[in-house]
């Protein structure tokens, strides 16, 4: 017997929810020290985009693109962690809302070395 899905109405996901999911996924990725601020020139360029500390969401023609700005740990393999972060964001959005993503652009703004204050 085949089940038929019937639409009961419209479902809307607020853009801020997508940004929050990406932000949470980034913060939970090993190798990411912390989120970096979005550069002012990028924030101005995407005036209408939804932003949260370190995450810029651009929705155009029903396509989702993220720009994620991070600081990484000095021991991290930057390329490997960046790819892992891309996959983590895509998986998190797909799992939670089932929406396809066009791109996840990772911007490594710096490597953060902690200073040992016990010396």
Protein backbone atom coordinates (compact mmCIF):
# COMPACT_ATOMS: atom_id res chain seq x y z
CA UNK A 1 0.00 0.00 0.00
CA UNK A 2 1.39 3.38 -1.01
CA UNK A 3 1.13 6.32 1.37
CA UNK A 4 0.26 9.69 -0.08
CA UNK A 5 1.49 12.87 1.56
CA UNK A 6 -1.17 15.50 1.58
CA UNK A 7 -0.41 19.18 2.11
CA UNK A 8 -2.20 20.60 5.11
CA UNK A 9 -0.98 24.12 4.52
CA UNK A 10 2.15 26.15 4.16
CA UNK A 11 5.38 25.77 6.14
CA UNK A 12 7.68 28.73 6.56
CA UNK A 13 11.12 28.68 8.16
CA UNK A 14 12.40 32.06 9.32
CA UNK A 15 15.83 32.93 7.90
CA UNK A 16 17.05 33.58 11.46
CA UNK A 17 16.41 29.89 12.22
CA UNK A 18 18.71 28.83 9.37
CA UNK A 19 21.39 31.20 10.64
CA UNK A 20 21.03 29.85 14.18
CA UNK A 21 21.41 26.26 12.94
CA UNK A 22 24.59 27.14 11.01
CA UNK A 23 25.98 29.12 13.96
CA UNK A 24 25.35 26.23 16.37
CA UNK A 25 26.94 23.73 13.96
CA UNK A 26 30.03 25.93 13.58
CA UNK A 27 30.49 26.41 17.31
CA UNK A 28 30.30 22.64 17.87
CA UNK A 29 32.95 21.80 15.24
CA UNK A 30 36.31 20.71 16.66
CA UNK A 31 39.12 23.01 15.55
CA UNK A 32 36.97 26.14 15.53
CA UNK A 33 38.20 28.42 18.29
CA UNK A 34 35.35 30.92 18.02
CA UNK A 35 33.21 32.79 15.54
CA UNK A 36 34.78 35.82 13.86
CA UNK A 37 32.89 39.04 13.21
CA UNK A 38 31.56 39.59 9.71
CA UNK A 39 33.79 42.15 7.98
CA UNK A 40 31.99 45.51 7.63
CA UNK A 41 32.43 45.60 3.85
CA UNK A 42 30.69 42.20 3.51
CA UNK A 43 27.89 43.27 5.86
CA UNK A 44 27.32 46.37 3.71
CA UNK A 45 27.46 44.35 0.49
CA UNK A 46 24.75 42.00 1.75
CA UNK A 47 22.56 44.59 3.48
CA UNK A 48 19.43 42.49 3.15
CA UNK A 49 21.07 39.24 4.25
CA UNK A 50 20.38 37.74 7.64
CA UNK A 51 23.39 37.94 9.97
CA UNK A 52 24.50 36.55 13.29
CA UNK A 53 27.95 36.67 14.83
CA UNK A 54 30.13 34.94 12.25
CA UNK A 55 27.32 33.75 9.95
CA UNK A 56 25.93 35.53 6.91
CA UNK A 57 22.92 33.99 5.13
CA UNK A 58 22.06 34.98 1.61
CA UNK A 59 18.68 33.84 0.25
CA UNK A 60 18.27 34.49 -3.47
CA UNK A 61 15.87 32.74 -5.83
CA UNK A 62 15.00 30.22 -3.10
CA UNK A 63 18.66 29.16 -2.83
CA UNK A 64 20.53 29.17 0.46
CA UNK A 65 24.14 30.32 0.69
CA UNK A 66 26.13 30.74 3.90
CA UNK A 67 29.32 32.69 4.51
CA UNK A 68 30.82 31.59 7.82
CA UNK A 69 33.64 33.54 9.46
CA UNK A 70 35.75 31.71 12.04
CA UNK A 71 38.91 31.78 14.10
CA UNK A 72 40.63 28.39 14.26
CA UNK A 73 42.85 26.60 16.72
CA UNK A 74 46.57 26.63 15.87
CA UNK A 75 46.78 22.82 15.85
CA UNK A 76 43.91 22.49 13.38
CA UNK A 77 44.37 21.50 9.76
CA UNK A 78 42.61 24.51 8.27
CA UNK A 79 41.53 22.78 5.05
CA UNK A 80 40.28 19.65 6.81
CA UNK A 81 38.34 21.57 9.47
CA UNK A 82 36.85 23.91 6.83
CA UNK A 83 35.56 20.95 4.81
CA UNK A 84 34.23 19.32 7.97
CA UNK A 85 32.44 22.55 8.87
CA UNK A 86 30.87 22.75 5.40
CA UNK A 87 29.58 19.17 5.73
CA UNK A 88 28.35 19.76 9.28
CA UNK A 89 26.34 22.84 8.29
CA UNK A 90 24.80 21.09 5.26
CA UNK A 91 23.89 18.05 7.38
CA UNK A 92 22.45 20.16 10.22
CA UNK A 93 20.22 22.21 7.91
CA UNK A 94 19.15 19.11 5.98
CA UNK A 95 18.36 17.18 9.16
CA UNK A 96 16.45 19.98 10.87
CA UNK A 97 14.57 21.59 7.98
CA UNK A 98 15.21 19.45 4.89
CA UNK A 99 16.27 22.35 2.69
CA UNK A 100 19.07 22.04 0.12
CA UNK A 101 22.02 24.42 0.35
CA UNK A 102 23.72 25.98 -2.66
CA UNK A 103 26.99 26.84 -0.90
CA UNK A 104 28.76 27.09 2.45
CA UNK A 105 31.74 29.42 2.16
CA UNK A 106 34.21 29.26 5.04
CA UNK A 107 36.36 32.30 5.81
CA UNK A 108 39.24 31.59 8.20
CA UNK A 109 39.90 35.05 9.59
CA UNK A 110 42.70 34.13 11.97
CA UNK A 111 44.35 31.44 14.04
CA UNK A 112 43.96 32.02 17.77
CA UNK A 113 46.89 31.21 20.04
CA UNK A 114 46.03 31.22 23.73
CA UNK A 115 48.55 32.82 26.06
CA UNK A 116 49.50 30.76 29.08
CA UNK A 117 49.22 33.16 32.01
CA UNK A 118 50.89 30.79 34.51
CA UNK A 119 54.41 31.61 33.20
